[in-house]
């Protein structure tokens, strides 16, 4: 089955050799999103909650370009430079997902691109 690239102008443009998402085999694989403002390509201003919210807003924009929503997410992976922010991720995810919530992993990492403190990706099964 051929792969189809999915892109949204409502999410930050790719900053490397990847697509915002790929549709393959009935699933949509969303690339990791940083808390970048789609209009400026810069990290959003504000606290950690604002950064996590922007990450999920970016993922939601790419999901919309694929013709679906984050409620079709089967799996989400969140990368944090400080696992102390885990509770904020839980709070913000409740704004973007409804039950049954997707499977999820939260991984502590030493650093992320552009100096971000959070990144997330997802696998959607529309």
C-alpha atoms as a PDB file:
ATOM      1  CA  UNK A   1       0.000   0.000   0.000  1.00  0.00           C
ATOM      2  CA  UNK A   2       1.479   3.414  -0.931  1.00  0.00           C
ATOM      3  CA  UNK A   3       2.282   5.955   1.737  1.00  0.00           C
ATOM      4  CA  UNK A   4       0.636   9.366   1.661  1.00  0.00           C
ATOM      5  CA  UNK A   5       2.197  12.454   3.228  1.00  0.00           C
ATOM      6  CA  UNK A   6      -0.125  14.674   5.255  1.00  0.00           C
ATOM      7  CA  UNK A   7       0.681  18.299   5.980  1.00  0.00           C
ATOM      8  CA  UNK A   8      -1.167  21.138   7.662  1.00  0.00           C
ATOM      9  CA  UNK A   9      -0.365  24.856   7.497  1.00  0.00           C
ATOM     10  CA  UNK A  10      -2.001  25.022  10.948  1.00  0.00           C
ATOM     11  CA  UNK A  11       0.980  23.136  12.434  1.00  0.00           C
ATOM     12  CA  UNK A  12       4.661  24.046  12.280  1.00  0.00           C
ATOM     13  CA  UNK A  13       6.436  23.097   9.084  1.00  0.00           C
ATOM     14  CA  UNK A  14       8.816  20.162   9.338  1.00  0.00           C
ATOM     15  CA  UNK A  15      12.279  21.259  10.460  1.00  0.00           C
ATOM     16  CA  UNK A  16      14.046  18.261   8.972  1.00  0.00           C
ATOM     17  CA  UNK A  17      13.743  15.364   6.577  1.00  0.00           C
ATOM     18  CA  UNK A  18      10.314  14.141   7.652  1.00  0.00           C
ATOM     19  CA  UNK A  19       6.605  14.688   6.995  1.00  0.00           C
ATOM     20  CA  UNK A  20       4.172  16.024   9.567  1.00  0.00           C
ATOM     21  CA  UNK A  21       2.332  12.715   9.157  1.00  0.00           C
ATOM     22  CA  UNK A  22       2.164   9.654   6.936  1.00  0.00           C
ATOM     23  CA  UNK A  23      -0.957   7.640   6.147  1.00  0.00           C
ATOM     24  CA  UNK A  24      -0.037   3.967   5.653  1.00  0.00           C
ATOM     25  CA  UNK A  25      -1.935   0.726   6.029  1.00  0.00           C
ATOM     26  CA  UNK A  26      -5.067   2.369   7.413  1.00  0.00           C
ATOM     27  CA  UNK A  27      -3.237   4.243  10.174  1.00  0.00           C
ATOM     28  CA  UNK A  28      -1.915   7.787  10.370  1.00  0.00           C
ATOM     29  CA  UNK A  29       1.489   8.234  12.002  1.00  0.00           C
ATOM     30  CA  UNK A  30       1.945  11.750  13.380  1.00  0.00           C
ATOM     31  CA  UNK A  31       5.517  12.971  13.700  1.00  0.00           C
ATOM     32  CA  UNK A  32       6.610  14.479  16.971  1.00  0.00           C
ATOM     33  CA  UNK A  33       5.394  18.002  17.560  1.00  0.00           C
ATOM     34  CA  UNK A  34       7.218  20.586  19.610  1.00  0.00           C
ATOM     35  CA  UNK A  35       5.546  23.594  21.256  1.00  0.00           C
ATOM     36  CA  UNK A  36       6.204  25.744  18.202  1.00  0.00           C
ATOM     37  CA  UNK A  37       3.882  28.502  17.047  1.00  0.00           C
ATOM     38  CA  UNK A  38       2.898  27.540  13.472  1.00  0.00           C
ATOM     39  CA  UNK A  39       2.980  31.178  12.352  1.00  0.00           C
ATOM     40  CA  UNK A  40       6.468  31.998  13.611  1.00  0.00           C
ATOM     41  CA  UNK A  41       8.183  28.623  13.959  1.00  0.00           C
ATOM     42  CA  UNK A  42       9.381  29.726  17.401  1.00  0.00           C
ATOM     43  CA  UNK A  43       8.679  28.199  20.816  1.00  0.00           C
ATOM     44  CA  UNK A  44       5.467  29.605  22.271  1.00  0.00           C
ATOM     45  CA  UNK A  45       5.670  31.967  25.191  1.00  0.00           C
ATOM     46  CA  UNK A  46       4.284  30.964  28.559  1.00  0.00           C
ATOM     47  CA  UNK A  47       4.535  28.292  31.191  1.00  0.00           C
ATOM     48  CA  UNK A  48       4.789  24.537  30.783  1.00  0.00           C
ATOM     49  CA  UNK A  49       1.006  24.225  30.500  1.00  0.00           C
ATOM     50  CA  UNK A  50       1.083  26.567  27.467  1.00  0.00           C
ATOM     51  CA  UNK A  51       3.880  24.488  25.925  1.00  0.00           C
ATOM     52  CA  UNK A  52       2.038  21.187  26.397  1.00  0.00           C
ATOM     53  CA  UNK A  53      -1.174  22.745  25.085  1.00  0.00           C
ATOM     54  CA  UNK A  54       0.647  23.931  21.930  1.00  0.00           C
ATOM     55  CA  UNK A  55       2.103  20.464  21.349  1.00  0.00           C
ATOM     56  CA  UNK A  56      -1.361  18.905  21.393  1.00  0.00           C
ATOM     57  CA  UNK A  57      -2.868  21.747  19.338  1.00  0.00           C
ATOM     58  CA  UNK A  58      -0.209  21.066  16.696  1.00  0.00           C
ATOM     59  CA  UNK A  59      -0.973  17.339  16.746  1.00  0.00           C
ATOM     60  CA  UNK A  60      -4.704  18.123  16.475  1.00  0.00           C
ATOM     61  CA  UNK A  61      -4.069  20.324  13.418  1.00  0.00           C
ATOM     62  CA  UNK A  62      -2.221  17.527  11.641  1.00  0.00           C
ATOM     63  CA  UNK A  63      -4.946  15.043  12.615  1.00  0.00           C
ATOM     64  CA  UNK A  64      -7.527  17.418  11.105  1.00  0.00           C
ATOM     65  CA  UNK A  65      -5.500  17.570   7.878  1.00  0.00           C
ATOM     66  CA  UNK A  66      -5.756  13.773   7.835  1.00  0.00           C
ATOM     67  CA  UNK A  67      -9.546  14.064   8.136  1.00  0.00           C
ATOM     68  CA  UNK A  68      -9.779  12.914  11.737  1.00  0.00           C
ATOM     69  CA  UNK A  69      -9.271  14.050  15.337  1.00  0.00           C
ATOM     70  CA  UNK A  70      -7.060  13.103  18.229  1.00  0.00           C
ATOM     71  CA  UNK A  71      -9.907  10.922  19.495  1.00  0.00           C
ATOM     72  CA  UNK A  72      -8.800   8.390  16.878  1.00  0.00           C
ATOM     73  CA  UNK A  73      -5.405   8.116  18.582  1.00  0.00           C
ATOM     74  CA  UNK A  74      -4.492   4.558  19.508  1.00  0.00           C
ATOM     75  CA  UNK A  75      -1.076   5.484  20.948  1.00  0.00           C
ATOM     76  CA  UNK A  76       0.570   8.700  22.126  1.00  0.00           C
ATOM     77  CA  UNK A  77       4.178   9.083  23.183  1.00  0.00           C
ATOM     78  CA  UNK A  78       5.217  12.107  25.234  1.00  0.00           C
ATOM     79  CA  UNK A  79       8.847  13.101  25.709  1.00  0.00           C
ATOM     80  CA  UNK A  80       9.696  15.347  28.676  1.00  0.00           C
ATOM     81  CA  UNK A  81      12.985  16.848  29.758  1.00  0.00           C
ATOM     82  CA  UNK A  82      11.564  16.933  33.306  1.00  0.00           C
ATOM     83  CA  UNK A  83       9.206  14.136  34.366  1.00  0.00           C
ATOM     84  CA  UNK A  84       8.041  16.459  37.135  1.00  0.00           C
ATOM     85  CA  UNK A  85       5.744  17.946  34.477  1.00  0.00           C
ATOM     86  CA  UNK A  86       3.893  14.644  34.055  1.00  0.00           C
ATOM     87  CA  UNK A  87       0.816  15.909  35.933  1.00  0.00           C
ATOM     88  CA  UNK A  88       0.554  18.904  33.579  1.00  0.00           C
ATOM     89  CA  UNK A  89       0.570  16.526  30.604  1.00  0.00           C
ATOM     90  CA  UNK A  90      -2.319  14.600  32.194  1.00  0.00           C
ATOM     91  CA  UNK A  91      -4.317  17.807  32.770  1.00  0.00           C
ATOM     92  CA  UNK A  92      -3.806  19.118  29.238  1.00  0.00           C
ATOM     93  CA  UNK A  93      -4.436  15.765  27.557  1.00  0.00           C
ATOM     94  CA  UNK A  94      -7.915  15.799  29.122  1.00  0.00           C
ATOM     95  CA  UNK A  95      -8.610  18.955  27.067  1.00  0.00           C
ATOM     96  CA  UNK A  96      -7.760  17.208  23.783  1.00  0.00           C
ATOM     97  CA  UNK A  97      -8.871  13.581  24.247  1.00  0.00           C
ATOM     98  CA  UNK A  98     -12.056  11.865  25.391  1.00  0.00           C
ATOM     99  CA  UNK A  99     -12.452   8.408  26.884  1.00  0.00           C
ATOM    100  CA  UNK A 100     -11.399   5.834  26.111  1.00  0.00           C
ATOM    101  CA  UNK A 101      -8.030   7.561  26.224  1.00  0.00           C
ATOM    102  CA  UNK A 102      -5.246   6.291  23.954  1.00  0.00           C
ATOM    103  CA  UNK A 103      -2.441   4.097  25.163  1.00  0.00           C
ATOM    104  CA  UNK A 104       0.443   6.344  26.204  1.00  0.00           C
ATOM    105  CA  UNK A 105       4.085   6.338  27.140  1.00  0.00           C
ATOM    106  CA  UNK A 106       5.864   9.212  28.877  1.00  0.00           C
ATOM    107  CA  UNK A 107       9.617   9.181  28.459  1.00  0.00           C
ATOM    108  CA  UNK A 108      12.173  11.325  30.246  1.00  0.00           C
ATOM    109  CA  UNK A 109      14.867  12.611  27.894  1.00  0.00           C
ATOM    110  CA  UNK A 110      18.008  14.711  28.320  1.00  0.00           C
ATOM    111  CA  UNK A 111      17.078  17.217  25.621  1.00  0.00           C
ATOM    112  CA  UNK A 112      14.749  17.910  22.708  1.00  0.00           C
ATOM    113  CA  UNK A 113      15.134  19.866  19.467  1.00  0.00           C
ATOM    114  CA  UNK A 114      15.026  23.669  19.646  1.00  0.00           C
ATOM    115  CA  UNK A 115      15.462  23.568  23.436  1.00  0.00           C
ATOM    116  CA  UNK A 116      11.883  22.398  23.933  1.00  0.00           C
ATOM    117  CA  UNK A 117      10.820  20.803  27.224  1.00  0.00           C
ATOM    118  CA  UNK A 118       8.104  18.610  25.683  1.00  0.00           C
ATOM    119  CA  UNK A 119       7.369  16.762  22.446  1.00  0.00           C
ATOM    120  CA  UNK A 120       4.643  14.278  21.540  1.00  0.00           C
ATOM    121  CA  UNK A 121       3.739  12.036  18.638  1.00  0.00           C
ATOM    122  CA  UNK A 122       0.749   9.808  17.969  1.00  0.00           C
ATOM    123  CA  UNK A 123      -0.578   6.921  15.939  1.00  0.00           C
ATOM    124  CA  UNK A 124      -4.144   7.436  14.725  1.00  0.00           C
ATOM    125  CA  UNK A 125      -6.474   4.698  13.559  1.00  0.00           C
ATOM    126  CA  UNK A 126      -9.395   6.577  11.988  1.00  0.00           C
END
